[in-house]
N, C-alpha and C. Protein backbone atom coordinates (compact mmCIF):
# COMPACT_ATOMS: atom_id res chain seq x y z
N UNK A 1 -33.74 33.40 -9.63
CA UNK A 1 -34.61 34.22 -9.49
C UNK A 1 -34.55 33.76 -11.52
N UNK A 2 -36.07 33.71 -11.84
CA UNK A 2 -35.97 33.74 -13.60
C UNK A 2 -36.48 35.39 -13.45
N UNK A 3 -36.00 35.76 -14.87
CA UNK A 3 -36.63 36.76 -15.30
C UNK A 3 -37.42 36.03 -16.37
N UNK A 4 -36.79 35.37 -17.25
CA UNK A 4 -37.71 34.86 -18.24
C UNK A 4 -37.21 33.35 -18.43
N UNK A 5 -38.31 32.49 -18.93
CA UNK A 5 -37.21 30.85 -18.64
C UNK A 5 -38.71 30.33 -19.58
N UNK A 6 -38.26 29.85 -20.82
CA UNK A 6 -39.06 28.81 -21.75
C UNK A 6 -38.28 27.46 -22.10
N UNK A 7 -39.34 26.52 -22.11
CA UNK A 7 -38.49 25.20 -23.01
C UNK A 7 -39.19 25.88 -24.06
N UNK A 8 -37.80 25.29 -24.97
CA UNK A 8 -38.11 26.43 -26.21
C UNK A 8 -38.20 24.79 -27.51
N UNK A 9 -38.10 23.82 -27.15
CA UNK A 9 -38.39 22.55 -28.32
C UNK A 9 -39.73 22.85 -28.69
N UNK A 10 -39.53 23.12 -29.97
CA UNK A 10 -41.07 23.27 -30.47
C UNK A 10 -41.54 22.13 -30.87
N UNK A 11 -41.39 20.87 -30.30
CA UNK A 11 -42.33 19.71 -30.38
C UNK A 11 -42.49 19.01 -29.17
N UNK A 12 -42.50 19.77 -27.74
CA UNK A 12 -42.41 18.95 -26.84
C UNK A 12 -44.01 19.48 -26.17
N UNK A 13 -44.15 18.05 -25.65
CA UNK A 13 -45.74 18.14 -25.54
C UNK A 13 -45.46 17.04 -23.84
N UNK A 14 -46.66 17.55 -22.93
CA UNK A 14 -46.99 16.57 -21.84
C UNK A 14 -47.39 15.41 -22.12
N UNK A 15 -47.69 14.32 -21.23
CA UNK A 15 -47.73 13.03 -21.73
C UNK A 15 -49.42 12.97 -22.03
N UNK A 16 -50.29 14.11 -21.80
CA UNK A 16 -51.51 14.20 -22.42
C UNK A 16 -51.52 14.80 -23.80
N UNK A 17 -50.41 15.17 -24.24
CA UNK A 17 -50.36 15.71 -25.45
C UNK A 17 -50.36 17.53 -25.73
N UNK A 18 -50.62 18.21 -24.69
CA UNK A 18 -50.68 19.29 -24.53
C UNK A 18 -48.93 20.23 -24.87
N UNK A 19 -49.24 21.38 -25.23
CA UNK A 19 -47.79 22.00 -25.65
C UNK A 19 -47.38 22.37 -24.43
N UNK A 20 -46.28 22.31 -24.15
CA UNK A 20 -45.31 22.75 -22.83
C UNK A 20 -44.06 23.43 -23.75
N UNK A 21 -43.91 23.71 -24.82
CA UNK A 21 -42.89 24.21 -25.67
C UNK A 21 -42.74 25.99 -25.47
N UNK A 22 -41.89 26.30 -25.91
CA UNK A 22 -41.75 28.08 -26.08
C UNK A 22 -42.56 28.90 -26.03
N UNK A 23 -44.33 28.54 -26.00
CA UNK A 23 -45.59 29.45 -25.72
C UNK A 23 -45.65 29.90 -24.64
N UNK A 24 -45.41 29.19 -23.25
CA UNK A 24 -45.08 29.69 -22.12
C UNK A 24 -44.07 30.09 -21.52
N UNK A 25 -44.20 31.41 -21.16
CA UNK A 25 -42.89 31.76 -20.18
C UNK A 25 -43.04 31.63 -18.76
N UNK A 26 -41.98 31.67 -18.13
CA UNK A 26 -42.08 31.40 -16.87
C UNK A 26 -41.09 32.26 -16.24
N UNK A 27 -41.23 32.69 -14.95
CA UNK A 27 -40.61 33.31 -14.20
C UNK A 27 -40.94 33.68 -12.74
N UNK A 28 -39.63 34.43 -11.81
CA UNK A 28 -40.06 34.50 -10.44
C UNK A 28 -38.97 33.92 -9.64
N UNK A 29 -39.26 32.97 -8.35
CA UNK A 29 -38.09 32.79 -7.68
C UNK A 29 -38.17 31.52 -7.24
N UNK A 30 -36.79 31.12 -7.35
CA UNK A 30 -36.61 29.50 -6.88
C UNK A 30 -36.15 29.54 -5.70
N UNK A 31 -37.24 29.35 -4.38
CA UNK A 31 -36.15 29.24 -3.10
C UNK A 31 -35.24 27.61 -2.55
N UNK A 32 -35.63 27.08 -3.49
CA UNK A 32 -34.85 25.63 -3.54
C UNK A 32 -34.79 25.13 -4.66
N UNK A 33 -34.01 24.05 -4.64
CA UNK A 33 -33.71 23.74 -6.06
C UNK A 33 -34.51 22.18 -6.24
N UNK A 34 -35.19 21.92 -5.31
CA UNK A 34 -35.85 20.42 -5.24
C UNK A 34 -37.23 20.47 -4.65
N UNK A 35 -38.16 19.62 -4.40
CA UNK A 35 -39.22 19.49 -3.68
C UNK A 35 -40.59 20.26 -4.27
N UNK A 36 -41.49 20.25 -3.86
CA UNK A 36 -42.82 20.78 -4.30
C UNK A 36 -42.83 22.04 -3.83
N UNK A 37 -42.27 22.67 -3.14
CA UNK A 37 -42.05 24.17 -2.95
C UNK A 37 -41.13 24.77 -4.03
N UNK A 38 -40.26 24.06 -4.92
CA UNK A 38 -39.76 24.85 -5.82
C UNK A 38 -40.04 25.80 -6.64
N UNK A 39 -41.40 25.30 -6.99
CA UNK A 39 -42.16 26.26 -8.12
C UNK A 39 -43.05 27.41 -7.11
N UNK A 40 -43.40 27.10 -5.94
CA UNK A 40 -44.17 27.91 -5.57
C UNK A 40 -44.37 29.47 -5.76
N UNK A 41 -43.18 30.22 -6.04
CA UNK A 41 -43.45 31.55 -6.41
C UNK A 41 -42.69 31.60 -8.09
N UNK A 42 -43.06 30.77 -9.10
CA UNK A 42 -43.04 30.87 -10.38
C UNK A 42 -44.31 31.66 -10.82
N UNK A 43 -44.09 32.39 -11.85
CA UNK A 43 -45.79 32.89 -12.50
C UNK A 43 -45.49 32.19 -13.67
N UNK A 44 -46.42 32.74 -14.75
CA UNK A 44 -46.19 32.29 -16.07
C UNK A 44 -47.21 32.99 -16.77
N UNK A 45 -47.09 32.97 -18.43
CA UNK A 45 -47.95 33.62 -19.05
C UNK A 45 -47.28 33.14 -20.64
N UNK A 46 -48.92 32.74 -20.79
CA UNK A 46 -49.07 32.05 -22.29
C UNK A 46 -49.12 33.00 -23.24
N UNK A 47 -48.76 32.61 -24.38
CA UNK A 47 -48.53 33.58 -26.01
C UNK A 47 -49.23 32.42 -27.08
N UNK A 48 -49.81 33.13 -27.75
CA UNK A 48 -49.98 32.32 -29.04
C UNK A 48 -49.12 32.02 -30.05
N UNK A 49 -48.13 32.60 -29.56
CA UNK A 49 -46.49 32.62 -30.83
C UNK A 49 -45.63 32.17 -29.89
N UNK A 50 -44.46 31.65 -30.30
CA UNK A 50 -43.33 30.97 -29.47
C UNK A 50 -42.62 31.61 -29.37
N UNK A 51 -42.39 32.13 -27.84
CA UNK A 51 -41.26 33.25 -27.41
C UNK A 51 -40.17 33.66 -28.28
N UNK A 52 -39.45 32.31 -28.69
CA UNK A 52 -38.37 32.42 -29.54
C UNK A 52 -38.34 32.87 -31.04
N UNK A 53 -39.70 33.52 -31.27
CA UNK A 53 -39.99 33.87 -32.74
C UNK A 53 -39.33 35.25 -32.65
N UNK A 54 -39.21 36.03 -31.75
CA UNK A 54 -39.10 37.25 -31.85
C UNK A 54 -38.46 37.96 -30.85
N UNK A 55 -38.10 38.90 -30.98
CA UNK A 55 -37.27 39.84 -29.87
C UNK A 55 -38.36 40.35 -28.62
N UNK A 56 -37.62 39.96 -27.48
CA UNK A 56 -39.18 40.79 -26.38
C UNK A 56 -38.20 41.26 -25.06
N UNK A 57 -38.97 42.22 -24.71
CA UNK A 57 -38.33 43.08 -23.77
C UNK A 57 -39.03 42.71 -22.05
N UNK A 58 -38.04 41.84 -21.70
CA UNK A 58 -38.62 40.93 -20.39
C UNK A 58 -37.84 41.90 -19.27
N UNK A 59 -38.79 42.12 -18.14
CA UNK A 59 -38.20 43.24 -17.13
C UNK A 59 -38.68 42.43 -16.21
N UNK A 60 -37.83 43.32 -14.88
CA UNK A 60 -38.05 42.42 -13.45
C UNK A 60 -37.77 44.08 -12.56
N UNK A 61 -38.79 44.28 -11.83
CA UNK A 61 -38.81 45.47 -11.09
C UNK A 61 -38.72 45.01 -9.22
N UNK A 62 -37.29 45.16 -8.81
CA UNK A 62 -37.29 44.45 -7.38
C UNK A 62 -37.22 45.58 -6.34
N UNK A 63 -38.18 45.67 -5.53
CA UNK A 63 -37.98 46.73 -4.74
C UNK A 63 -37.94 45.74 -3.17
N UNK A 64 -38.00 46.88 -2.04
CA UNK A 64 -37.83 45.88 -0.86
C UNK A 64 -39.05 45.23 -0.64
N UNK A 65 -40.13 45.74 -1.24
CA UNK A 65 -41.61 45.03 -1.04
C UNK A 65 -41.85 44.16 -2.04
N UNK A 66 -41.31 44.20 -2.82
CA UNK A 66 -41.80 43.19 -4.22
C UNK A 66 -40.83 42.63 -5.23
N UNK A 67 -41.50 41.98 -6.12
CA UNK A 67 -40.94 41.31 -7.16
C UNK A 67 -41.93 41.69 -8.24
N UNK A 68 -41.65 42.55 -9.50
CA UNK A 68 -42.48 42.39 -10.17
C UNK A 68 -41.93 41.59 -11.84
N UNK A 69 -42.64 41.00 -12.13
CA UNK A 69 -42.05 40.41 -13.77
C UNK A 69 -43.00 40.93 -15.00
N UNK A 70 -42.03 41.47 -15.90
CA UNK A 70 -42.90 42.22 -17.20
C UNK A 70 -42.68 41.03 -18.55
N UNK A 71 -43.34 41.18 -19.55
CA UNK A 71 -42.86 41.07 -20.95
C UNK A 71 -43.66 41.98 -21.68
N UNK A 72 -42.64 42.65 -22.40
CA UNK A 72 -43.18 43.65 -23.35
C UNK A 72 -44.23 44.70 -22.89
N UNK A 73 -43.78 45.27 -21.38
CA UNK A 73 -44.81 46.05 -20.81
C UNK A 73 -45.78 45.79 -19.92
N UNK A 74 -45.97 44.49 -20.27
CA UNK A 74 -46.99 43.38 -19.89
C UNK A 74 -46.82 42.71 -18.30
N UNK A 75 -47.50 43.18 -17.33
CA UNK A 75 -46.78 42.88 -15.88
C UNK A 75 -47.53 41.08 -15.83
N UNK A 76 -46.81 40.19 -16.00
CA UNK A 76 -47.28 38.80 -15.71
C UNK A 76 -47.05 38.02 -14.43
N UNK A 77 -46.49 39.11 -13.59
CA UNK A 77 -46.33 38.16 -12.25
C UNK A 77 -45.94 39.21 -11.00
N UNK A 78 -46.62 39.00 -10.23
CA UNK A 78 -46.34 39.77 -8.80
C UNK A 78 -46.04 39.13 -7.64
N UNK A 79 -45.01 39.02 -7.13
CA UNK A 79 -44.44 38.46 -5.55
C UNK A 79 -44.24 39.53 -4.68
N UNK A 80 -45.40 39.41 -3.50
CA UNK A 80 -45.18 40.06 -2.60
C UNK A 80 -44.90 39.50 -0.88
N UNK A 81 -44.72 37.58 -1.33
CA UNK A 81 -44.55 36.94 0.25
C UNK A 81 -43.33 37.56 1.02
N UNK A 82 -43.54 36.82 1.95
CA UNK A 82 -42.32 36.36 2.89
C UNK A 82 -41.91 35.36 2.67
N UNK A 83 -40.73 34.88 2.28
CA UNK A 83 -40.08 33.94 1.64
C UNK A 83 -39.40 33.31 2.94
N UNK A 84 -39.12 33.76 3.21
CA UNK A 84 -38.39 33.05 4.71
C UNK A 84 -39.56 32.31 5.46
N UNK A 85 -40.60 33.15 5.69
CA UNK A 85 -41.88 32.24 6.40
C UNK A 85 -42.24 30.88 5.61
N UNK A 86 -42.12 31.16 4.61
CA UNK A 86 -42.69 30.20 3.88
C UNK A 86 -41.82 28.74 3.86
N UNK A 87 -40.36 29.41 3.65
CA UNK A 87 -39.41 28.36 3.35
C UNK A 87 -39.49 27.57 5.04
N UNK A 88 -39.59 28.11 5.87
CA UNK A 88 -39.64 27.58 7.41
C UNK A 88 -40.78 26.82 7.45
N UNK A 89 -41.95 27.18 7.05
CA UNK A 89 -43.56 26.48 6.84
C UNK A 89 -43.13 25.06 6.32
N UNK A 90 -41.92 25.04 5.39
CA UNK A 90 -41.89 23.92 4.50
C UNK A 90 -40.42 23.02 4.82
N UNK A 91 -39.78 23.29 5.98
CA UNK A 91 -38.83 22.95 6.84
C UNK A 91 -37.79 23.31 5.99
N UNK A 92 -37.30 24.22 5.16
CA UNK A 92 -35.99 24.29 4.44
C UNK A 92 -35.19 24.94 5.38
N UNK A 93 -34.05 24.33 5.66
CA UNK A 93 -33.61 24.62 6.77
C UNK A 93 -32.31 25.90 6.16
N UNK A 94 -32.43 26.35 4.83
CA UNK A 94 -31.65 27.52 4.65
C UNK A 94 -32.50 28.92 5.11
N UNK A 95 -33.58 28.34 5.14
CA UNK A 95 -34.18 29.77 5.53
C UNK A 95 -33.95 30.44 6.85
N UNK A 96 -32.94 29.55 7.66
CA UNK A 96 -32.76 30.16 9.04
C UNK A 96 -31.87 31.11 8.89
N UNK A 97 -31.06 31.35 7.75
CA UNK A 97 -29.84 32.03 7.54
C UNK A 97 -30.30 33.28 6.81
N UNK A 98 -31.50 33.44 6.67
CA UNK A 98 -31.95 34.66 5.95
C UNK A 98 -32.22 35.95 6.84
N UNK A 99 -32.31 36.78 6.45
CA UNK A 99 -32.93 38.35 7.31
C UNK A 99 -34.12 38.41 7.92
N UNK A 100 -34.52 37.80 9.07
CA UNK A 100 -35.74 37.97 9.10
C UNK A 100 -36.85 39.37 9.57
N UNK A 101 -36.18 40.30 9.16
CA UNK A 101 -37.00 41.70 9.11
C UNK A 101 -37.05 41.75 7.72
N UNK A 102 -36.78 40.93 6.60
CA UNK A 102 -36.65 41.24 5.60
C UNK A 102 -37.68 40.53 4.99
N UNK A 103 -38.78 41.11 4.22
CA UNK A 103 -39.65 40.54 3.58
C UNK A 103 -39.53 39.40 2.58
N UNK A 104 -38.58 39.75 1.55
CA UNK A 104 -38.16 39.35 0.66
C UNK A 104 -36.86 38.79 0.49
N UNK A 105 -36.55 38.70 2.08
CA UNK A 105 -34.86 37.46 2.07
C UNK A 105 -35.15 36.24 1.32
N UNK A 106 -34.46 35.61 1.08
CA UNK A 106 -33.08 36.32 0.89
C UNK A 106 -32.73 37.07 -0.32
N UNK A 107 -33.54 37.52 -0.92
CA UNK A 107 -33.53 38.68 -2.05
C UNK A 107 -33.59 40.11 -1.49
N UNK A 108 -32.68 40.35 -0.65
CA UNK A 108 -32.78 41.83 0.15
C UNK A 108 -31.16 42.13 0.16
N UNK A 109 -30.50 41.45 -1.02
CA UNK A 109 -29.51 41.71 -1.15
C UNK A 109 -29.00 41.62 -2.70
N UNK A 110 -27.81 42.21 -3.15
CA UNK A 110 -27.06 41.86 -4.64
C UNK A 110 -27.37 40.76 -5.15
N UNK A 111 -27.51 40.59 -6.41
CA UNK A 111 -27.20 39.12 -6.96
C UNK A 111 -26.53 39.76 -8.50
N UNK A 112 -26.15 38.18 -9.00
CA UNK A 112 -25.80 38.35 -10.20
C UNK A 112 -26.97 38.13 -11.72
N UNK A 113 -26.48 39.02 -12.89
CA UNK A 113 -27.70 38.08 -13.62
C UNK A 113 -26.84 37.36 -14.39
N UNK A 114 -27.10 36.31 -14.65
CA UNK A 114 -26.73 35.24 -15.62
C UNK A 114 -27.80 34.78 -16.83
N UNK A 115 -27.27 34.78 -17.82
CA UNK A 115 -27.91 34.06 -19.23
C UNK A 115 -27.61 33.30 -19.73
N UNK A 116 -28.10 32.47 -20.25
CA UNK A 116 -28.10 30.87 -20.77
C UNK A 116 -28.99 30.17 -21.56
N UNK A 117 -28.76 29.20 -21.88
CA UNK A 117 -29.41 28.03 -22.53
C UNK A 117 -28.80 26.63 -21.90
N UNK A 118 -30.20 26.09 -21.34
CA UNK A 118 -30.06 24.85 -20.42
C UNK A 118 -30.52 23.63 -21.64
N UNK A 119 -30.03 22.68 -21.42
CA UNK A 119 -30.43 21.32 -21.87
C UNK A 119 -30.77 20.11 -20.92
N UNK A 120 -31.73 19.46 -21.23
CA UNK A 120 -32.25 18.41 -20.26
C UNK A 120 -32.37 18.99 -18.84
N UNK A 121 -32.32 18.43 -17.93
CA UNK A 121 -32.60 18.74 -16.40
C UNK A 121 -33.72 17.89 -15.91
N UNK A 122 -33.69 17.74 -14.77
CA UNK A 122 -34.32 17.09 -13.57
C UNK A 122 -35.56 17.91 -13.19
N UNK A 123 -35.93 18.84 -13.03
CA UNK A 123 -36.92 19.45 -12.52
C UNK A 123 -37.75 20.34 -13.51
N UNK A 124 -37.13 20.61 -14.64
CA UNK A 124 -38.49 21.47 -15.61
C UNK A 124 -38.81 20.84 -16.90
N UNK A 125 -38.23 19.53 -17.20
CA UNK A 125 -39.03 19.08 -18.03
C UNK A 125 -39.94 17.73 -17.61
N UNK A 126 -41.20 17.94 -17.43
CA UNK A 126 -42.04 16.51 -16.86
C UNK A 126 -41.94 15.68 -17.23
N UNK A 127 -41.86 14.42 -16.12
CA UNK A 127 -41.90 13.06 -16.33
C UNK A 127 -42.60 12.66 -17.41
N UNK A 128 -42.35 11.64 -18.18
CA UNK A 128 -43.16 11.32 -19.65
C UNK A 128 -43.64 12.10 -20.69
N UNK A 129 -43.07 13.58 -20.77
CA UNK A 129 -43.21 14.40 -21.49
C UNK A 129 -42.84 13.72 -23.04
N UNK A 130 -42.97 14.37 -24.34
CA UNK A 130 -42.79 13.68 -25.32
C UNK A 130 -42.48 14.82 -26.55
N UNK A 131 -41.53 14.37 -27.67
CA UNK A 131 -40.85 15.29 -28.43
C UNK A 131 -40.87 14.48 -29.75
N UNK A 132 -40.74 15.19 -30.67
CA UNK A 132 -40.37 15.06 -31.87
C UNK A 132 -41.69 14.15 -32.72
N UNK A 133 -41.80 14.39 -33.97
CA UNK A 133 -42.86 13.48 -34.99
C UNK A 133 -43.05 12.23 -34.38
N UNK A 134 -42.26 11.29 -33.65
CA UNK A 134 -42.57 10.18 -33.47
C UNK A 134 -43.12 10.19 -31.89
N UNK A 135 -43.15 11.41 -31.43
CA UNK A 135 -43.63 11.59 -29.63
C UNK A 135 -42.68 10.63 -28.97
N UNK A 136 -41.39 10.55 -29.23
CA UNK A 136 -40.41 9.77 -28.24
C UNK A 136 -40.57 10.39 -27.10
N UNK A 137 -41.00 9.38 -25.69
CA UNK A 137 -40.96 9.83 -24.48
C UNK A 137 -39.56 10.24 -24.03
N UNK A 138 -39.33 11.29 -22.93
CA UNK A 138 -38.32 11.63 -22.37
C UNK A 138 -37.22 10.49 -21.68
N UNK A 139 -36.30 10.48 -22.50
CA UNK A 139 -35.44 9.38 -22.06
C UNK A 139 -34.97 9.17 -20.44
N UNK A 140 -35.38 9.95 -19.66
CA UNK A 140 -34.87 9.80 -18.02
C UNK A 140 -35.97 10.34 -17.20
N UNK A 141 -35.65 9.97 -16.21
CA UNK A 141 -37.05 10.21 -15.23
C UNK A 141 -36.36 11.27 -14.17
N UNK A 142 -36.97 12.15 -13.68
CA UNK A 142 -36.56 13.25 -12.92
C UNK A 142 -36.29 12.84 -11.58
N UNK A 143 -35.89 11.72 -10.81
CA UNK A 143 -35.75 11.44 -9.46
C UNK A 143 -34.47 10.34 -10.20
N UNK A 144 -34.02 9.84 -11.41
CA UNK A 144 -33.07 9.27 -11.57
C UNK A 144 -32.08 9.65 -11.32
N UNK A 145 -30.97 8.96 -10.13
CA UNK A 145 -29.28 8.97 -10.20
C UNK A 145 -28.86 9.25 -11.48
N UNK A 146 -29.05 8.72 -12.51
CA UNK A 146 -28.25 8.80 -13.96
C UNK A 146 -29.41 9.42 -14.49
N UNK A 147 -29.88 10.44 -14.38
CA UNK A 147 -30.57 11.13 -15.35
C UNK A 147 -29.82 11.89 -16.55
N UNK A 148 -28.94 12.17 -16.24
CA UNK A 148 -27.63 12.98 -17.15
C UNK A 148 -27.38 11.97 -18.19
N UNK A 149 -26.89 10.55 -17.58
CA UNK A 149 -26.53 9.51 -18.05
C UNK A 149 -27.46 9.60 -19.39
N UNK A 150 -28.86 9.00 -19.14
CA UNK A 150 -30.14 8.63 -20.18
C UNK A 150 -30.10 9.78 -20.79
N UNK A 151 -30.06 10.76 -20.47
CA UNK A 151 -30.16 11.73 -21.45
C UNK A 151 -28.99 11.93 -22.49
N UNK A 152 -27.93 11.64 -22.24
CA UNK A 152 -26.50 11.55 -23.55
C UNK A 152 -26.73 10.39 -24.02
N UNK A 153 -27.06 9.35 -23.59
CA UNK A 153 -27.19 7.77 -24.07
C UNK A 153 -28.46 8.46 -24.97
N UNK A 154 -29.47 9.02 -25.09
CA UNK A 154 -30.41 9.00 -26.09
C UNK A 154 -30.20 10.09 -26.88
N UNK A 155 -29.27 10.85 -27.04
CA UNK A 155 -29.43 12.05 -27.64
C UNK A 155 -29.86 11.99 -28.94
N UNK A 156 -29.27 10.87 -29.54
CA UNK A 156 -30.17 10.54 -31.37
C UNK A 156 -31.52 10.68 -31.06
N UNK A 157 -32.27 10.56 -30.15
CA UNK A 157 -33.96 10.83 -30.27
C UNK A 157 -33.92 11.96 -29.97
N UNK A 158 -33.42 12.92 -29.27
CA UNK A 158 -33.89 14.45 -28.68
C UNK A 158 -33.22 15.32 -29.61
N UNK A 159 -32.04 14.96 -30.31
CA UNK A 159 -31.11 16.16 -30.27
C UNK A 159 -31.51 17.05 -31.63
N UNK A 160 -32.37 15.86 -32.89
CA UNK A 160 -32.91 16.40 -34.30
C UNK A 160 -33.91 16.91 -33.61
N UNK A 161 -34.71 17.34 -32.39
CA UNK A 161 -35.98 17.94 -32.54
C UNK A 161 -35.55 19.40 -31.88
N UNK A 162 -34.26 19.51 -31.47
CA UNK A 162 -33.76 20.76 -30.82
C UNK A 162 -33.28 21.41 -32.08
N UNK A 163 -34.53 22.42 -32.72
CA UNK A 163 -33.64 23.16 -33.58
C UNK A 163 -32.96 24.30 -33.75
N UNK A 164 -33.76 24.89 -32.74
CA UNK A 164 -32.72 26.51 -32.41
C UNK A 164 -32.22 26.51 -31.29
N UNK A 165 -30.93 25.93 -31.04
CA UNK A 165 -30.17 25.73 -29.65
C UNK A 165 -29.63 27.16 -28.81
N UNK A 166 -29.65 28.07 -29.97
CA UNK A 166 -28.96 29.18 -29.43
C UNK A 166 -30.06 30.51 -28.67
N UNK A 167 -29.51 31.41 -27.63
CA UNK A 167 -29.68 32.45 -27.12
C UNK A 167 -29.35 33.66 -27.67
N UNK A 168 -30.59 34.49 -28.48
CA UNK A 168 -29.99 35.83 -28.95
C UNK A 168 -30.26 36.51 -28.23
N UNK A 169 -29.44 37.34 -27.77
CA UNK A 169 -29.77 38.96 -27.12
C UNK A 169 -29.53 40.33 -27.60
N UNK A 170 -30.30 41.00 -27.77
CA UNK A 170 -30.07 42.24 -28.20
C UNK A 170 -29.20 43.19 -27.58
N UNK A 171 -30.03 43.44 -26.05
CA UNK A 171 -28.96 44.10 -25.04
C UNK A 171 -29.69 44.06 -24.17
N UNK A 172 -28.76 44.58 -22.52
CA UNK A 172 -29.18 44.07 -21.36
C UNK A 172 -29.34 45.40 -20.69
N UNK A 173 -29.97 45.47 -19.85
CA UNK A 173 -30.03 47.19 -19.28
C UNK A 173 -30.47 46.59 -17.62
N UNK A 174 -29.56 47.56 -17.02
CA UNK A 174 -29.81 46.83 -15.40
C UNK A 174 -29.63 48.59 -14.65
N UNK A 175 -30.74 49.20 -14.30
CA UNK A 175 -30.89 50.10 -13.56
C UNK A 175 -30.98 49.99 -12.41
N UNK A 176 -30.43 51.22 -11.26
CA UNK A 176 -30.55 50.87 -10.06
C UNK A 176 -31.37 52.34 -9.54
N UNK A 177 -32.03 52.33 -8.41
CA UNK A 177 -32.60 53.32 -7.87
C UNK A 177 -32.35 53.55 -6.18
């Protein structure tokens, strides 16, 4: 589950030249690591400013019936689906382990909060995306078994475009009702 996820490289564009950097906030539920259903329950919010330019208050309201996503008090996503049913429709075998009576299963139990900065990856950066003043193409393909290797081998191309690699957090609050 993502409360807040952005691609922070300020020079990142899709193959058709659209900005896909930190102006788009994404959040929601990932019910699988791969396939077309991976992003079915992600919601997004576009911002005129880069989300990394200032502090924001990201929120997640998680009840037995729904998951709400907020940024600075603005709700940008609401999830009220039956994740188990959706996963079964797409033949995801892990759905058989989830509680059939809980609409938000597998999110009907406690989870950990994890904060971090990620680099590269084979799911979040579209193939043929470009970065930098020279519009260098992404040096790996999302389906390549050597994606991490190609990413590392081409670090001189992308590293200089990653000008703000830190995650700055003012505070984290968790409330249980």
